[in-house]
PDB file of N, CA and C in Angstrom:
ATOM      1  N   MET A   1       3.274  12.444  -7.430  1.00  0.00           N
ATOM      2  CA  MET A   1       4.034  11.232  -7.154  1.00  0.00           C
ATOM      3  C   MET A   1       3.436  10.548  -5.917  1.00  0.00           C
ATOM      4  N   SER A   2       3.354   9.259  -5.967  1.00  0.00           N
ATOM      5  CA  SER A   2       2.770   8.461  -4.903  1.00  0.00           C
ATOM      6  C   SER A   2       3.856   7.892  -3.991  1.00  0.00           C
ATOM      7  N   ILE A   3       3.481   7.600  -2.771  1.00  0.00           N
ATOM      8  CA  ILE A   3       4.421   7.007  -1.819  1.00  0.00           C
ATOM      9  C   ILE A   3       4.807   5.586  -2.244  1.00  0.00           C
ATOM     10  N   THR A   4       3.964   4.938  -3.044  1.00  0.00           N
ATOM     11  CA  THR A   4       4.246   3.578  -3.490  1.00  0.00           C
ATOM     12  C   THR A   4       4.957   3.529  -4.843  1.00  0.00           C
ATOM     13  N   ALA A   5       5.251   4.687  -5.414  1.00  0.00           N
ATOM     14  CA  ALA A   5       5.913   4.733  -6.732  1.00  0.00           C
ATOM     15  C   ALA A   5       7.261   4.029  -6.679  1.00  0.00           C
ATOM     16  N   GLY A   6       7.520   3.203  -7.671  1.00  0.00           N
ATOM     17  CA  GLY A   6       8.783   2.486  -7.751  1.00  0.00           C
ATOM     18  C   GLY A   6       8.861   1.254  -6.867  1.00  0.00           C
ATOM     19  N   THR A   7       7.748   0.863  -6.263  1.00  0.00           N
ATOM     20  CA  THR A   7       7.719  -0.336  -5.419  1.00  0.00           C
ATOM     21  C   THR A   7       6.795  -1.372  -6.051  1.00  0.00           C
ATOM     22  N   LEU A   8       6.743  -2.557  -5.472  1.00  0.00           N
ATOM     23  CA  LEU A   8       5.840  -3.567  -5.995  1.00  0.00           C
ATOM     24  C   LEU A   8       4.389  -3.234  -5.694  1.00  0.00           C
ATOM     25  N   PHE A   9       4.150  -2.223  -4.869  1.00  0.00           N
ATOM     26  CA  PHE A   9       2.796  -1.804  -4.536  1.00  0.00           C
ATOM     27  C   PHE A   9       2.263  -0.735  -5.480  1.00  0.00           C
ATOM     28  N   GLU A  10       3.073  -0.322  -6.448  1.00  0.00           N
ATOM     29  CA  GLU A  10       2.673   0.721  -7.384  1.00  0.00           C
ATOM     30  C   GLU A  10       1.475   0.259  -8.213  1.00  0.00           C
ATOM     31  N   HIS A  11       0.510   1.125  -8.404  1.00  0.00           N
ATOM     32  CA  HIS A  11      -0.694   0.897  -9.211  1.00  0.00           C
ATOM     33  C   HIS A  11      -1.611  -0.177  -8.634  1.00  0.00           C
ATOM     34  N   THR A  12      -1.553  -0.436  -7.360  1.00  0.00           N
ATOM     35  CA  THR A  12      -2.446  -1.429  -6.765  1.00  0.00           C
ATOM     36  C   THR A  12      -3.724  -0.766  -6.289  1.00  0.00           C
ATOM     37  N   LYS A  13      -4.807  -1.511  -6.355  1.00  0.00           N
ATOM     38  CA  LYS A  13      -6.080  -1.021  -5.834  1.00  0.00           C
ATOM     39  C   LYS A  13      -6.360  -1.612  -4.457  1.00  0.00           C
ATOM     40  N   LEU A  14      -5.562  -2.578  -4.075  1.00  0.00           N
ATOM     41  CA  LEU A  14      -5.740  -3.216  -2.767  1.00  0.00           C
ATOM     42  C   LEU A  14      -5.072  -2.389  -1.676  1.00  0.00           C
ATOM     43  N   PRO A  15      -5.624  -2.414  -0.471  1.00  0.00           N
ATOM     44  CA  PRO A  15      -4.988  -1.689   0.641  1.00  0.00           C
ATOM     45  C   PRO A  15      -3.607  -2.258   0.957  1.00  0.00           C
ATOM     46  N   LEU A  16      -2.718  -1.399   1.405  1.00  0.00           N
ATOM     47  CA  LEU A  16      -1.371  -1.853   1.756  1.00  0.00           C
ATOM     48  C   LEU A  16      -1.411  -2.875   2.887  1.00  0.00           C
ATOM     49  N   ALA A  17      -2.374  -2.758   3.779  1.00  0.00           N
ATOM     50  CA  ALA A  17      -2.495  -3.731   4.875  1.00  0.00           C
ATOM     51  C   ALA A  17      -2.706  -5.136   4.318  1.00  0.00           C
ATOM     52  N   THR A  18      -3.455  -5.262   3.231  1.00  0.00           N
ATOM     53  CA  THR A  18      -3.678  -6.561   2.595  1.00  0.00           C
ATOM     54  C   THR A  18      -2.376  -7.088   2.010  1.00  0.00           C
ATOM     55  N   TRP A  19      -1.600  -6.215   1.376  1.00  0.00           N
ATOM     56  CA  TRP A  19      -0.299  -6.602   0.836  1.00  0.00           C
ATOM     57  C   TRP A  19       0.644  -7.063   1.940  1.00  0.00           C
ATOM     58  N   PHE A  20       0.664  -6.316   3.045  1.00  0.00           N
ATOM     59  CA  PHE A  20       1.554  -6.671   4.152  1.00  0.00           C
ATOM     60  C   PHE A  20       1.152  -7.997   4.766  1.00  0.00           C
ATOM     61  N   GLN A  21      -0.152  -8.228   4.884  1.00  0.00           N
ATOM     62  CA  GLN A  21      -0.626  -9.497   5.433  1.00  0.00           C
ATOM     63  C   GLN A  21      -0.236 -10.652   4.507  1.00  0.00           C
ATOM     64  N   ALA A  22      -0.403 -10.464   3.211  1.00  0.00           N
ATOM     65  CA  ALA A  22      -0.032 -11.513   2.247  1.00  0.00           C
ATOM     66  C   ALA A  22       1.464 -11.783   2.301  1.00  0.00           C
ATOM     67  N   THR A  23       2.271 -10.735   2.365  1.00  0.00           N
ATOM     68  CA  THR A  23       3.722 -10.891   2.439  1.00  0.00           C
ATOM     69  C   THR A  23       4.109 -11.660   3.693  1.00  0.00           C
ATOM     70  N   PHE A  24       3.494 -11.329   4.805  1.00  0.00           N
ATOM     71  CA  PHE A  24       3.765 -12.018   6.067  1.00  0.00           C
ATOM     72  C   PHE A  24       3.412 -13.501   5.964  1.00  0.00           C
ATOM     73  N   LEU A  25       2.230 -13.798   5.435  1.00  0.00           N
ATOM     74  CA  LEU A  25       1.792 -15.192   5.338  1.00  0.00           C
ATOM     75  C   LEU A  25       2.662 -16.000   4.382  1.00  0.00           C
ATOM     76  N   ILE A  26       3.118 -15.376   3.299  1.00  0.00           N
ATOM     77  CA  ILE A  26       3.999 -16.062   2.353  1.00  0.00           C
ATOM     78  C   ILE A  26       5.342 -16.352   3.008  1.00  0.00           C
ATOM     79  N   ALA A  27       5.866 -15.393   3.747  1.00  0.00           N
ATOM     80  CA  ALA A  27       7.172 -15.560   4.388  1.00  0.00           C
ATOM     81  C   ALA A  27       7.111 -16.491   5.595  1.00  0.00           C
ATOM     82  N   LEU A  28       5.945 -16.601   6.218  1.00  0.00           N
ATOM     83  CA  LEU A  28       5.789 -17.381   7.434  1.00  0.00           C
ATOM     84  C   LEU A  28       5.975 -18.879   7.203  1.00  0.00           C
ATOM     85  N   GLY A  29       5.419 -19.389   6.122  1.00  0.00           N
ATOM     86  CA  GLY A  29       5.469 -20.830   5.869  1.00  0.00           C
ATOM     87  C   GLY A  29       6.804 -21.276   5.317  1.00  0.00           C
ATOM     88  N   LYS A  30       7.290 -22.394   5.807  1.00  0.00           N
ATOM     89  CA  LYS A  30       8.560 -22.937   5.318  1.00  0.00           C
ATOM     90  C   LYS A  30       8.451 -23.341   3.855  1.00  0.00           C
ATOM     91  N   LYS A  31       7.306 -23.877   3.489  1.00  0.00           N
ATOM     92  CA  LYS A  31       7.091 -24.321   2.110  1.00  0.00           C
ATOM     93  C   LYS A  31       6.191 -23.355   1.349  1.00  0.00           C
ATOM     94  N   GLY A  32       5.983 -22.174   1.887  1.00  0.00           N
ATOM     95  CA  GLY A  32       5.105 -21.204   1.241  1.00  0.00           C
ATOM     96  C   GLY A  32       3.657 -21.446   1.607  1.00  0.00           C
ATOM     97  N   ILE A  33       2.770 -20.869   0.819  1.00  0.00           N
ATOM     98  CA  ILE A  33       1.335 -21.002   1.054  1.00  0.00           C
ATOM     99  C   ILE A  33       0.664 -21.105  -0.306  1.00  0.00           C
ATOM    100  N   SER A  34      -0.347 -21.943  -0.402  1.00  0.00           N
ATOM    101  CA  SER A  34      -1.041 -22.085  -1.680  1.00  0.00           C
ATOM    102  C   SER A  34      -1.866 -20.835  -1.959  1.00  0.00           C
ATOM    103  N   ALA A  35      -2.135 -20.596  -3.215  1.00  0.00           N
ATOM    104  CA  ALA A  35      -2.931 -19.434  -3.601  1.00  0.00           C
ATOM    105  C   ALA A  35      -4.337 -19.530  -3.011  1.00  0.00           C
ATOM    106  N   MET A  36      -4.904 -20.715  -2.989  1.00  0.00           N
ATOM    107  CA  MET A  36      -6.256 -20.886  -2.445  1.00  0.00           C
ATOM    108  C   MET A  36      -6.294 -20.597  -0.952  1.00  0.00           C
ATOM    109  N   ASP A  37      -5.297 -21.060  -0.226  1.00  0.00           N
ATOM    110  CA  ASP A  37      -5.239 -20.812   1.206  1.00  0.00           C
ATOM    111  C   ASP A  37      -5.044 -19.318   1.481  1.00  0.00           C
ATOM    112  N   LEU A  38      -4.167 -18.696   0.720  1.00  0.00           N
ATOM    113  CA  LEU A  38      -3.937 -17.262   0.869  1.00  0.00           C
ATOM    114  C   LEU A  38      -5.202 -16.482   0.532  1.00  0.00           C
ATOM    115  N   MET A  39      -5.913 -16.917  -0.493  1.00  0.00           N
ATOM    116  CA  MET A  39      -7.159 -16.263  -0.884  1.00  0.00           C
ATOM    117  C   MET A  39      -8.167 -16.294   0.268  1.00  0.00           C
ATOM    118  N   ARG A  40      -8.282 -17.435   0.918  1.00  0.00           N
ATOM    119  CA  ARG A  40      -9.218 -17.560   2.043  1.00  0.00           C
ATOM    120  C   ARG A  40      -8.804 -16.693   3.226  1.00  0.00           C
ATOM    121  N   LYS A  41      -7.502 -16.617   3.496  1.00  0.00           N
ATOM    122  CA  LYS A  41      -7.028 -15.909   4.688  1.00  0.00           C
ATOM    123  C   LYS A  41      -7.087 -14.389   4.551  1.00  0.00           C
ATOM    124  N   ILE A  42      -6.844 -13.863   3.332  1.00  0.00           N
ATOM    125  CA  ILE A  42      -6.838 -12.408   3.204  1.00  0.00           C
ATOM    126  C   ILE A  42      -8.093 -11.866   2.537  1.00  0.00           C
ATOM    127  N   GLY A  43      -8.942 -12.753   2.009  1.00  0.00           N
ATOM    128  CA  GLY A  43     -10.241 -12.346   1.503  1.00  0.00           C
ATOM    129  C   GLY A  43     -10.233 -11.572   0.195  1.00  0.00           C
ATOM    130  N   VAL A  44      -9.363 -11.951  -0.730  1.00  0.00           N
ATOM    131  CA  VAL A  44      -9.372 -11.330  -2.059  1.00  0.00           C
ATOM    132  C   VAL A  44      -9.568 -12.419  -3.110  1.00  0.00           C
ATOM    133  N   SER A  45      -9.806 -12.014  -4.345  1.00  0.00           N
ATOM    134  CA  SER A  45     -10.079 -12.974  -5.415  1.00  0.00           C
ATOM    135  C   SER A  45      -8.838 -13.796  -5.748  1.00  0.00           C
ATOM    136  N   CYS A  46      -9.074 -14.902  -6.426  1.00  0.00           N
ATOM    137  CA  CYS A  46      -7.978 -15.784  -6.827  1.00  0.00           C
ATOM    138  C   CYS A  46      -7.025 -15.068  -7.785  1.00  0.00           C
ATOM    139  N   ASN A  47      -7.582 -14.302  -8.718  1.00  0.00           N
ATOM    140  CA  ASN A  47      -6.735 -13.564  -9.655  1.00  0.00           C
ATOM    141  C   ASN A  47      -5.849 -12.551  -8.934  1.00  0.00           C
ATOM    142  N   ALA A  48      -6.413 -11.877  -7.939  1.00  0.00           N
ATOM    143  CA  ALA A  48      -5.636 -10.898  -7.170  1.00  0.00           C
ATOM    144  C   ALA A  48      -4.506 -11.587  -6.412  1.00  0.00           C
ATOM    145  N   VAL A  49      -4.792 -12.753  -5.847  1.00  0.00           N
ATOM    146  CA  VAL A  49      -3.772 -13.500  -5.109  1.00  0.00           C
ATOM    147  C   VAL A  49      -2.642 -13.927  -6.040  1.00  0.00           C
ATOM    148  N   TRP A  50      -2.968 -14.392  -7.234  1.00  0.00           N
ATOM    149  CA  TRP A  50      -1.932 -14.797  -8.185  1.00  0.00           C
ATOM    150  C   TRP A  50      -1.042 -13.613  -8.552  1.00  0.00           C
ATOM    151  N   ARG A  51      -1.659 -12.444  -8.799  1.00  0.00           N
ATOM    152  CA  ARG A  51      -0.867 -11.253  -9.125  1.00  0.00           C
ATOM    153  C   ARG A  51       0.025 -10.865  -7.957  1.00  0.00           C
ATOM    154  N   MET A  52      -0.521 -10.934  -6.746  1.00  0.00           N
ATOM    155  CA  MET A  52       0.261 -10.585  -5.557  1.00  0.00           C
ATOM    156  C   MET A  52       1.443 -11.535  -5.380  1.00  0.00           C
ATOM    157  N   LYS A  53       1.176 -12.840  -5.478  1.00  0.00           N
ATOM    158  CA  LYS A  53       2.253 -13.819  -5.312  1.00  0.00           C
ATOM    159  C   LYS A  53       3.328 -13.649  -6.375  1.00  0.00           C
ATOM    160  N   ASN A  54       2.916 -13.347  -7.606  1.00  0.00           N
ATOM    161  CA  ASN A  54       3.871 -13.164  -8.690  1.00  0.00           C
ATOM    162  C   ASN A  54       4.720 -11.910  -8.512  1.00  0.00           C
ATOM    163  N   LYS A  55       4.278 -10.978  -7.704  1.00  0.00           N
ATOM    164  CA  LYS A  55       5.087  -9.796  -7.402  1.00  0.00           C
ATOM    165  C   LYS A  55       5.928 -10.001  -6.144  1.00  0.00           C
ATOM    166  N   ILE A  56       5.362 -10.666  -5.138  1.00  0.00           N
ATOM    167  CA  ILE A  56       6.039 -10.827  -3.847  1.00  0.00           C
ATOM    168  C   ILE A  56       7.174 -11.849  -3.926  1.00  0.00           C
ATOM    169  N   MET A  57       6.924 -12.992  -4.545  1.00  0.00           N
ATOM    170  CA  MET A  57       7.910 -14.080  -4.551  1.00  0.00           C
ATOM    171  C   MET A  57       9.257 -13.676  -5.174  1.00  0.00           C
ATOM    172  N   PRO A  58       9.288 -13.071  -6.359  1.00  0.00           N
ATOM    173  CA  PRO A  58      10.598 -12.684  -6.920  1.00  0.00           C
ATOM    174  C   PRO A  58      11.322 -11.652  -6.063  1.00  0.00           C
ATOM    175  N   THR A  59      10.572 -10.792  -5.417  1.00  0.00           N
ATOM    176  CA  THR A  59      11.178  -9.774  -4.568  1.00  0.00           C
ATOM    177  C   THR A  59      11.879 -10.408  -3.373  1.00  0.00           C
ATOM    178  N   THR A  60      11.264 -11.423  -2.777  1.00  0.00           N
ATOM    179  CA  THR A  60      11.893 -12.079  -1.636  1.00  0.00           C
ATOM    180  C   THR A  60      13.120 -12.868  -2.076  1.00  0.00           C
ATOM    181  N   MET A  61      13.069 -13.435  -3.271  1.00  0.00           N
ATOM    182  CA  MET A  61      14.225 -14.182  -3.781  1.00  0.00           C
ATOM    183  C   MET A  61      15.397 -13.241  -4.063  1.00  0.00           C
ATOM    184  N   GLU A  62      15.114 -12.056  -4.607  1.00  0.00           N
ATOM    185  CA  GLU A  62      16.165 -11.069  -4.858  1.00  0.00           C
ATOM    186  C   GLU A  62      16.870 -10.719  -3.566  1.00  0.00           C
ATOM    187  N   ARG A  63      16.107 -10.519  -2.523  1.00  0.00           N
ATOM    188  CA  ARG A  63      16.656 -10.146  -1.214  1.00  0.00           C
ATOM    189  C   ARG A  63      17.549 -11.255  -0.678  1.00  0.00           C
ATOM    190  N   GLU A  64      17.119 -12.504  -0.799  1.00  0.00           N
ATOM    191  CA  GLU A  64      17.908 -13.615  -0.277  1.00  0.00           C
ATOM    192  C   GLU A  64      19.165 -13.837  -1.095  1.00  0.00           C
ATOM    193  N   ASP A  65      19.089 -13.606  -2.405  1.00  0.00           N
ATOM    194  CA  ASP A  65      20.266 -13.763  -3.259  1.00  0.00           C
ATOM    195  C   ASP A  65      21.288 -12.665  -2.985  1.00  0.00           C
ATOM    196  N   GLU A  66      20.793 -11.481  -2.619  1.00  0.00           N
ATOM    197  CA  GLU A  66      21.664 -10.337  -2.354  1.00  0.00           C
ATOM    198  C   GLU A  66      22.490 -10.519  -1.088  1.00  0.00           C
ATOM    199  N   LYS A  67      21.852 -11.025  -0.042  1.00  0.00           N
ATOM    200  CA  LYS A  67      22.523 -11.135   1.254  1.00  0.00           C
ATOM    201  C   LYS A  67      22.416 -12.545   1.800  1.00  0.00           C
ATOM    202  N   PRO A  68      23.278 -13.434   1.349  1.00  0.00           N
ATOM    203  CA  PRO A  68      23.217 -14.810   1.877  1.00  0.00           C
ATOM    204  C   PRO A  68      23.648 -14.828   3.352  1.00  0.00           C
ATOM    205  N   LEU A  69      23.210 -15.862   4.048  1.00  0.00           N
ATOM    206  CA  LEU A  69      23.597 -16.012   5.438  1.00  0.00           C
ATOM    207  C   LEU A  69      25.100 -16.204   5.561  1.00  0.00           C
ATOM    208  N   ALA A  70      25.664 -15.640   6.612  1.00  0.00           N
ATOM    209  CA  ALA A  70      27.109 -15.767   6.841  1.00  0.00           C
ATOM    210  C   ALA A  70      27.354 -15.996   8.325  1.00  0.00           C
ATOM    211  N   GLY A  71      28.513 -16.495   8.629  1.00  0.00           N
ATOM    212  CA  GLY A  71      28.859 -16.744  10.035  1.00  0.00           C
ATOM    213  C   GLY A  71      28.217 -18.016  10.539  1.00  0.00           C
ATOM    214  N   LEU A  72      28.039 -18.118  11.842  1.00  0.00           N
ATOM    215  CA  LEU A  72      27.432 -19.279  12.479  1.00  0.00           C
ATOM    216  C   LEU A  72      25.915 -19.222  12.321  1.00  0.00           C
ATOM    217  N   VAL A  73      25.347 -20.215  11.657  1.00  0.00           N
ATOM    218  CA  VAL A  73      23.915 -20.280  11.441  1.00  0.00           C
ATOM    219  C   VAL A  73      23.399 -21.562  12.095  1.00  0.00           C
ATOM    220  N   GLN A  74      22.441 -21.422  13.018  1.00  0.00           N
ATOM    221  CA  GLN A  74      21.881 -22.582  13.695  1.00  0.00           C
ATOM    222  C   GLN A  74      20.465 -22.804  13.215  1.00  0.00           C
ATOM    223  N   VAL A  75      20.128 -24.086  13.001  1.00  0.00           N
ATOM    224  CA  VAL A  75      18.788 -24.428  12.553  1.00  0.00           C
ATOM    225  C   VAL A  75      18.157 -25.340  13.578  1.00  0.00           C
TER     226      VAL A  75
END
């Protein structure tokens, strides 16, 4: 059994550091980040970036849907 079993990192050939960097860059931008820009910043192929984004984006949406902001929120 792998430490990444049951996660979005399961069966990946990319280093986890690359995944973490991509996740950070996707979450950092208010409007997200384009696949081409992400490809340039983390140094992987366009196909790899598309697969990563397609795994990361739904996961972040699930998290936000699960725990909406409550109380006093300042913007």
